[in-house]
Structure formats: structure tokens, C-alpha cells
Amino acid sequence: MALEVVGSSPIIRPRNYFKKRRYCRFSFYNLFMFNPIRRNRNIGRKGFGRGKDNKMVVPDDRIPVSNVDVQVVTVDGRSLTVIKQPLLPGFQYYVRTDEVAPLLERAGEDAAGIEFVIFRQPTKKREQLLPVWAAYWPKFEFRGRAGAAIIISAINASKTLKWPLSLTPEDERELHELKAEGRKVMKHDRYYGISMASEAIKRTQLGRSIPHEIGHHVAAASNIAHQNSEEFAVAYARKNKERYSMSGRNAGWRL
């Protein structure tokens, strides 16, 4: 390595000290300038890995296939597998199978490819971090069958939903729709308290959630980009509101 003498000082350093900061392991820079006492600035911070092991997340999104109630029904000439998980104390399924089937019949070709309806009991972490009325899975496999699935969540009506006072425009529209479906919304000092009436839960899941998830299925079948799927599903549910709420034989309810 070429060296240079800085003035009359006996300090010796590499010639391109200010141009190249990469040196070999046994260079003069590491020998004279490395300070083992100096603290790494990333220690104790998120970039160094702090908190990754104890971060609270939903660990797994799979449906346990043991200890479930399985039923096969016929909807519009197609077989539909209904999977129902056992309930925890305080939870209840507010939607029945004979109420979901008429909605899939009215969907017609839009529901082609939906092979499963899953009544899911949410875990404690999911209830705290990611509570949903319903969900859509484009791929699900169970006992040799594969296809799309609509998930309907069990709800604990004894608990009150708490929303922050600062809401986005989308959250404000959702709050107005929850009021229109029969819920009581109380404004407190730091949050909105939303009651969970049983009839209101049924209106939400049958009237908006299931058509919304069918809209996700139509978006997936139409190869719509994932980032635009949510907007498409919201527009689909609003556009077909009367289609899924029309009364008729075996209809579970009327909006």
C-alpha cells in the first residue's frame, strides 16, 4: 500500500484516505483509527432489529381443518362447501347458510368459482389487530377441492367498537353506513363508541360485506390490479345493492 507523510507529523495514513474509505482488515486505518469503545448508533433502534421478536402480529391466516362442521349444499346447480368453526364464549354467527345461499344465487356468473363459505372464529390477536365482518380468499384447498372462499366472521355483540375521533373520508362514510344499519354511535372525549346490535350485524354482513367480497372475486376473475381491487369491490357492492337485497323465496332478509 502506498503511504504518505502528512507534513512533519509522524502520523502515517493511506494516500487516498479522503477518496476511498474501504480498506482491508489489517490496514493502518483499522490499526490506528478504529475505536472499539465507540457505540454503534443502530443499537437499540428499529433498524437494528429491536422489537421484531415481540411485535404483535397475526401469526397465521390458515383455517384449522380439525374439529370443524362441514356441509355441502347446492347453489344454482353448483356444489358449495360450508365450513363452520366452533365458537368461543361470547361469539355468535349472525348469518345462516340458508341466508348466504340466495345471495350467491342472485350473483349468478359473478359467483362462479366460489367453492367455499367459511364461518370463521377469529383469534384474540385477529380480533384486536384485524377485525373484519367478512373476507375473501382467491385460493383455498380443503379435502381435495380448490377454489375461492368467502369468510364470514363470528362477532361478539357484547363488546363496543371504539373508533378514533380523527377519521378519513372513507371512515366517515363507513360510520354513516353503520348508523343507517341500526347501530348507536356515541361520541366520547377521545373515541366513538359503536354498539353491536344483532340485527345490525346481520344487515352489515348480508347487505354489504358478502356483496363486497363477491366484488373482490369479480375483480380477481377480471385480472384487475390488486391496488384497485378494493375500490372496485366497493363500487360493485353499491351498484348491485338492489340486486342483493330484493325479496324472494328463501331470501334471508330484505334491506
Protein backbone atom coordinates (compact mmCIF):
# COMPACT_ATOMS: atom_id res chain seq x y z
CA MET A 1 0.00 0.00 0.00
CA ALA A 2 1.34 3.43 -0.94
CA LEU A 3 1.75 5.71 2.10
CA GLU A 4 2.32 9.41 2.59
CA VAL A 5 3.61 11.54 5.40
CA VAL A 6 1.33 14.39 6.49
CA GLY A 7 3.63 17.43 6.87
CA SER A 8 6.20 16.85 9.56
CA SER A 9 3.81 14.77 11.63
CA PRO A 10 4.75 11.13 12.22
CA ILE A 11 1.13 10.06 11.54
CA ILE A 12 1.01 7.72 8.57
CA ARG A 13 -2.18 7.06 6.57
CA PRO A 14 -3.17 5.77 3.13
CA ARG A 15 -2.63 8.12 0.22
CA ASN A 16 -6.29 8.16 -0.90
CA TYR A 17 -7.62 8.49 2.63
CA PHE A 18 -10.36 11.04 1.75
CA LYS A 19 -11.26 9.42 -1.58
CA LYS A 20 -11.56 5.75 -0.72
CA ARG A 21 -12.94 4.68 2.64
CA ARG A 22 -12.73 0.94 2.01
CA TYR A 23 -9.70 -0.79 3.43
CA CYS A 24 -8.58 -4.29 4.09
CA ARG A 25 -8.98 -5.83 7.50
CA PHE A 26 -5.39 -5.27 8.57
CA SER A 27 -4.89 -1.77 7.15
CA PHE A 28 -3.17 1.06 9.01
CA TYR A 29 -6.56 2.81 9.27
CA ASN A 30 -8.04 -0.05 11.27
CA LEU A 31 -4.87 -0.31 13.29
CA PHE A 32 -4.63 3.35 14.40
CA MET A 33 -8.14 4.82 13.90
CA PHE A 34 -10.57 2.03 14.96
CA ASN A 35 -12.13 2.69 18.34
CA PRO A 36 -13.68 -0.44 19.90
CA ILE A 37 -15.39 1.64 22.60
CA ARG A 38 -17.42 3.62 20.07
CA ARG A 39 -21.10 2.65 20.28
CA ASN A 40 -22.97 1.57 17.20
CA ARG A 41 -25.67 4.16 16.55
CA ASN A 42 -28.13 1.49 15.37
CA ILE A 43 -28.10 -0.44 18.62
CA GLY A 44 -31.48 -0.30 20.32
CA ARG A 45 -33.27 1.01 17.24
CA LYS A 46 -35.78 -0.50 14.84
CA GLY A 47 -33.25 -0.81 12.02
CA PHE A 48 -31.03 -2.98 14.23
CA GLY A 49 -33.90 -5.37 14.91
CA ARG A 50 -35.24 -4.02 18.17
CA GLY A 51 -38.79 -5.22 18.85
CA LYS A 52 -39.02 -7.69 15.96
CA ASP A 53 -39.32 -10.71 18.21
CA ASN A 54 -42.07 -9.25 20.40
CA LYS A 55 -44.05 -7.41 17.71
CA MET A 56 -47.72 -8.33 17.94
CA VAL A 57 -48.93 -9.65 14.58
CA VAL A 58 -51.48 -12.19 13.38
CA PRO A 59 -49.26 -15.29 13.20
CA ASP A 60 -51.17 -17.40 10.68
CA ASP A 61 -54.15 -16.91 8.38
CA ARG A 62 -54.92 -20.55 7.67
CA ILE A 63 -58.18 -22.18 8.72
CA PRO A 64 -57.74 -25.15 11.08
CA VAL A 65 -59.39 -28.13 9.37
CA SER A 66 -59.80 -30.20 12.53
CA ASN A 67 -62.92 -30.07 14.69
CA VAL A 68 -65.00 -28.24 12.07
CA ASP A 69 -68.54 -28.79 10.86
CA VAL A 70 -68.66 -29.44 7.10
CA GLN A 71 -71.78 -29.26 4.97
CA VAL A 72 -72.23 -29.45 1.19
CA VAL A 73 -75.16 -27.55 -0.32
CA THR A 74 -76.27 -26.90 -3.89
CA VAL A 75 -76.41 -23.30 -5.09
CA ASP A 76 -77.54 -22.53 -8.64
CA GLY A 77 -76.62 -26.04 -9.78
CA ARG A 78 -73.13 -25.88 -8.20
CA SER A 79 -71.96 -27.59 -5.04
CA LEU A 80 -70.84 -25.28 -2.25
CA THR A 81 -68.82 -26.49 0.75
CA VAL A 82 -69.72 -24.76 4.02
CA ILE A 83 -67.12 -24.98 6.80
CA LYS A 84 -68.04 -23.83 10.27
CA GLN A 85 -65.56 -23.47 13.13
CA PRO A 86 -66.60 -23.95 16.76
CA LEU A 87 -67.37 -20.76 18.66
CA LEU A 88 -65.64 -19.23 21.66
CA PRO A 89 -67.70 -17.98 24.63
CA GLY A 90 -69.50 -14.72 23.78
CA PHE A 91 -69.23 -15.11 19.99
CA GLN A 92 -72.02 -15.95 17.59
CA TYR A 93 -72.62 -16.38 13.86
CA TYR A 94 -75.36 -13.91 12.95
CA VAL A 95 -75.69 -15.20 9.38
CA ARG A 96 -77.00 -18.64 8.44
CA THR A 97 -76.18 -20.80 5.45
CA ASP A 98 -79.72 -20.53 4.06
CA GLU A 99 -79.29 -16.74 4.10
CA VAL A 100 -75.97 -16.75 2.22
CA ALA A 101 -77.10 -19.19 -0.50
CA PRO A 102 -79.76 -16.84 -2.01
CA LEU A 103 -77.13 -14.10 -2.34
CA LEU A 104 -74.84 -16.41 -4.31
CA GLU A 105 -77.80 -17.47 -6.48
CA ARG A 106 -78.54 -13.83 -7.34
CA ALA A 107 -74.87 -13.29 -8.14
CA GLY A 108 -75.14 -15.82 -10.96
CA GLU A 109 -71.96 -15.98 -13.05
CA ASP A 110 -70.29 -13.44 -10.78
CA ALA A 111 -70.09 -16.15 -8.11
CA ALA A 112 -68.73 -18.83 -10.46
CA GLY A 113 -65.58 -20.24 -8.89
CA ILE A 114 -66.60 -19.61 -5.26
CA GLU A 115 -66.39 -23.12 -3.85
CA PHE A 116 -66.36 -22.44 -0.11
CA VAL A 117 -68.15 -20.41 2.52
CA ILE A 118 -66.22 -20.44 5.80
CA PHE A 119 -67.66 -19.35 9.11
CA ARG A 120 -64.53 -18.35 10.99
CA GLN A 121 -63.99 -17.89 14.70
CA PRO A 122 -61.36 -15.10 14.95
CA THR A 123 -58.47 -15.48 17.35
CA LYS A 124 -57.81 -12.93 20.09
CA LYS A 125 -54.96 -11.34 18.13
CA ARG A 126 -57.05 -11.10 14.98
CA GLU A 127 -59.92 -9.54 16.89
CA GLN A 128 -57.58 -6.88 18.28
CA LEU A 129 -55.41 -6.19 15.23
CA LEU A 130 -57.51 -7.04 12.17
CA PRO A 131 -61.24 -7.31 12.92
CA VAL A 132 -63.38 -7.79 9.80
CA TRP A 133 -67.01 -8.54 9.02
CA ALA A 134 -66.06 -10.83 6.16
CA ALA A 135 -63.12 -11.61 3.89
CA TYR A 136 -62.26 -13.14 0.52
CA TRP A 137 -59.59 -15.70 -0.33
CA PRO A 138 -58.91 -16.30 -4.04
CA LYS A 139 -57.29 -19.71 -3.36
CA PHE A 140 -58.33 -22.22 -0.73
CA GLU A 141 -57.89 -26.00 -0.62
CA PHE A 142 -59.85 -28.44 1.52
CA ARG A 143 -60.13 -32.21 1.20
CA GLY A 144 -59.10 -32.36 -2.43
CA ARG A 145 -61.19 -29.38 -3.57
CA ALA A 146 -59.79 -26.00 -4.52
CA GLY A 147 -61.37 -22.66 -5.29
CA ALA A 148 -62.22 -19.25 -3.95
CA ALA A 149 -63.70 -18.81 -0.47
CA ILE A 150 -65.81 -16.22 1.32
CA ILE A 151 -65.10 -15.96 5.04
CA ILE A 152 -67.80 -14.78 7.46
CA SER A 153 -66.54 -13.81 10.90
CA ALA A 154 -68.13 -14.61 14.23
CA ILE A 155 -68.91 -11.46 16.23
CA ASN A 156 -69.02 -10.74 19.94
CA ALA A 157 -72.00 -8.39 20.22
CA SER A 158 -71.36 -7.65 23.89
CA LYS A 159 -68.28 -5.59 23.05
CA THR A 160 -68.40 -1.97 21.88
CA LEU A 161 -66.38 -0.85 18.89
CA LYS A 162 -64.06 2.08 19.59
CA TRP A 163 -63.05 4.33 16.71
CA PRO A 164 -60.77 7.37 16.98
CA LEU A 165 -62.23 10.85 16.55
CA SER A 166 -59.91 11.63 13.62
CA LEU A 167 -61.40 9.75 10.66
CA THR A 168 -60.57 9.65 6.98
CA PRO A 169 -63.35 10.39 4.44
CA GLU A 170 -63.72 6.64 3.84
CA ASP A 171 -64.07 6.00 7.58
CA GLU A 172 -66.67 8.75 7.88
CA ARG A 173 -68.76 7.15 5.13
CA GLU A 174 -68.42 3.81 6.88
CA LEU A 175 -69.56 5.39 10.16
CA HIS A 176 -72.66 6.84 8.47
CA GLU A 177 -73.47 3.44 6.95
CA LEU A 178 -73.13 1.78 10.34
CA LYS A 179 -75.59 4.30 11.75
CA ALA A 180 -78.01 3.65 8.88
CA GLU A 181 -77.89 -0.07 9.61
CA GLY A 182 -79.24 0.44 13.11
CA ARG A 183 -76.25 0.97 15.36
CA LYS A 184 -75.99 3.57 18.10
CA VAL A 185 -72.91 5.77 17.82
CA MET A 186 -71.89 7.72 20.93
CA LYS A 187 -69.20 10.37 20.77
CA HIS A 188 -66.91 10.39 23.80
CA ASP A 189 -63.97 12.60 24.68
CA ARG A 190 -61.41 10.51 22.81
CA TYR A 191 -63.31 8.00 20.68
CA TYR A 192 -66.59 6.96 19.08
CA GLY A 193 -68.42 4.12 20.80
CA ILE A 194 -70.39 1.92 18.38
CA SER A 195 -72.89 -0.60 19.69
CA MET A 196 -73.11 -4.11 18.21
CA ALA A 197 -76.80 -4.95 17.83
CA SER A 198 -77.52 -8.40 16.40
CA GLU A 199 -79.87 -7.20 13.63
CA ALA A 200 -77.40 -4.52 12.61
CA ILE A 201 -74.62 -7.11 12.36
CA LYS A 202 -76.78 -9.23 10.07
CA ARG A 203 -77.60 -6.22 7.88
CA THR A 204 -73.93 -5.39 7.54
CA GLN A 205 -72.74 -8.89 6.68
CA LEU A 206 -75.60 -9.74 4.31
CA GLY A 207 -76.16 -6.32 2.81
CA ARG A 208 -72.62 -5.03 2.31
CA SER A 209 -69.90 -7.47 3.33
CA ILE A 210 -70.83 -10.51 1.24
CA PRO A 211 -71.59 -8.44 -1.95
CA HIS A 212 -68.30 -6.64 -1.30
CA GLU A 213 -66.41 -9.95 -1.21
CA ILE A 214 -68.21 -11.11 -4.37
CA GLY A 215 -66.91 -7.88 -5.93
CA HIS A 216 -63.37 -8.92 -4.96
CA HIS A 217 -64.00 -12.25 -6.69
CA VAL A 218 -65.17 -10.49 -9.86
CA ALA A 219 -62.09 -8.25 -9.72
CA ALA A 220 -59.81 -11.28 -9.39
CA ALA A 221 -61.54 -13.04 -12.28
CA SER A 222 -61.23 -9.89 -14.42
CA ASN A 223 -57.49 -9.56 -13.67
CA ILE A 224 -57.95 -6.16 -12.04
CA ALA A 225 -54.82 -4.94 -10.30
CA HIS A 226 -54.62 -5.66 -6.57
CA GLN A 227 -54.27 -1.99 -5.63
CA ASN A 228 -57.55 -1.22 -7.44
CA SER A 229 -59.46 -4.26 -6.16
CA GLU A 230 -60.80 -2.53 -3.04
CA GLU A 231 -62.23 0.41 -4.98
CA PHE A 232 -63.81 -1.98 -7.48
CA ALA A 233 -65.39 -4.08 -4.70
CA VAL A 234 -66.88 -1.01 -3.00
CA ALA A 235 -68.34 0.22 -6.30
CA TYR A 236 -69.65 -3.27 -7.12
CA ALA A 237 -71.48 -3.58 -3.78
CA ARG A 238 -73.09 -0.13 -4.17
CA LYS A 239 -74.06 -0.72 -7.78
CA ASN A 240 -75.68 -4.09 -7.04
CA LYS A 241 -77.30 -3.12 -3.75
CA GLU A 242 -80.85 -3.66 -5.00
CA ARG A 243 -79.85 -6.88 -6.74
CA TYR A 244 -78.72 -8.49 -3.48
CA SER A 245 -81.50 -7.01 -1.33
CA MET A 246 -84.54 -7.97 -3.45
CA SER A 247 -87.01 -10.19 -1.60
CA GLY A 248 -87.97 -13.60 -2.84
CA ARG A 249 -88.25 -17.22 -1.99
CA ASN A 250 -85.72 -18.38 0.64
CA ALA A 251 -84.41 -14.84 0.99
CA GLY A 252 -82.98 -14.36 4.44
CA TRP A 253 -83.89 -10.72 4.81
CA ARG A 254 -84.75 -7.50 2.98
CA LEU A 255 -82.69 -4.32 3.25
